[in-house]
Amino acid sequence: MKKSRRTFTADFKARVAIEAIKEIKTISEPAQIYQLHPNLITH
């Protein structure tokens, strides 16, 4: 059976982007918290 694609709200994307811009943590740390691939955060 096929997995359905996850959709992300604009609020979620903004939260992740702000955390990446702050550079308090490495890219891999928020990726693990939000269950995303680090490449998605850098994009």
C-alpha atoms as a PDB file:
ATOM      1  CA  MET A   1       0.000   0.000   0.000  1.00  0.00           C
ATOM      2  CA  LYS A   2       1.225   3.476  -0.872  1.00  0.00           C
ATOM      3  CA  LYS A   3       1.984   6.075   1.789  1.00  0.00           C
ATOM      4  CA  SER A   4       0.216   9.363   1.325  1.00  0.00           C
ATOM      5  CA  ARG A   5       2.367  12.469   1.014  1.00  0.00           C
ATOM      6  CA  ARG A   6       2.601  14.719   4.024  1.00  0.00           C
ATOM      7  CA  THR A   7       1.448  18.282   3.626  1.00  0.00           C
ATOM      8  CA  PHE A   8       2.881  21.100   5.686  1.00  0.00           C
ATOM      9  CA  THR A   9       1.072  24.272   6.678  1.00  0.00           C
ATOM     10  CA  ALA A  10       2.600  27.676   6.124  1.00  0.00           C
ATOM     11  CA  ASP A  11       2.879  28.081   9.900  1.00  0.00           C
ATOM     12  CA  PHE A  12       4.903  24.878  10.212  1.00  0.00           C
ATOM     13  CA  LYS A  13       7.200  25.863   7.337  1.00  0.00           C
ATOM     14  CA  ALA A  14       7.777  29.298   8.865  1.00  0.00           C
ATOM     15  CA  ARG A  15       8.587  27.804  12.278  1.00  0.00           C
ATOM     16  CA  VAL A  16      11.159  25.423  10.791  1.00  0.00           C
ATOM     17  CA  ALA A  17      12.662  28.148   8.582  1.00  0.00           C
ATOM     18  CA  ILE A  18      13.041  30.595  11.477  1.00  0.00           C
ATOM     19  CA  GLU A  19      14.733  27.934  13.569  1.00  0.00           C
ATOM     20  CA  ALA A  20      17.154  27.205  10.712  1.00  0.00           C
ATOM     21  CA  ILE A  21      17.921  30.902  10.196  1.00  0.00           C
ATOM     22  CA  LYS A  22      18.691  31.462  13.888  1.00  0.00           C
ATOM     23  CA  GLU A  23      21.477  28.845  13.652  1.00  0.00           C
ATOM     24  CA  ILE A  24      21.265  28.071  17.366  1.00  0.00           C
ATOM     25  CA  LYS A  25      21.176  24.349  16.568  1.00  0.00           C
ATOM     26  CA  THR A  26      22.682  22.364  13.738  1.00  0.00           C
ATOM     27  CA  ILE A  27      20.421  21.547  10.785  1.00  0.00           C
ATOM     28  CA  SER A  28      20.159  17.917  11.840  1.00  0.00           C
ATOM     29  CA  GLU A  29      18.711  18.719  15.274  1.00  0.00           C
ATOM     30  CA  PRO A  30      15.495  20.415  14.056  1.00  0.00           C
ATOM     31  CA  ALA A  31      15.297  17.768  11.320  1.00  0.00           C
ATOM     32  CA  GLN A  32      15.073  15.075  13.986  1.00  0.00           C
ATOM     33  CA  ILE A  33      12.599  17.070  16.073  1.00  0.00           C
ATOM     34  CA  TYR A  34      10.234  17.738  13.147  1.00  0.00           C
ATOM     35  CA  GLN A  35      10.925  14.356  11.469  1.00  0.00           C
ATOM     36  CA  LEU A  36      12.243  15.910   8.253  1.00  0.00           C
ATOM     37  CA  HIS A  37      15.238  15.228   6.069  1.00  0.00           C
ATOM     38  CA  PRO A  38      17.966  17.876   6.555  1.00  0.00           C
ATOM     39  CA  ASN A  39      17.915  18.619   2.813  1.00  0.00           C
ATOM     40  CA  LEU A  40      14.295  19.784   3.119  1.00  0.00           C
ATOM     41  CA  ILE A  41      15.328  22.339   5.725  1.00  0.00           C
ATOM     42  CA  THR A  42      18.195  23.713   3.672  1.00  0.00           C
ATOM     43  CA  HIS A  43      15.927  24.086   0.629  1.00  0.00           C
END
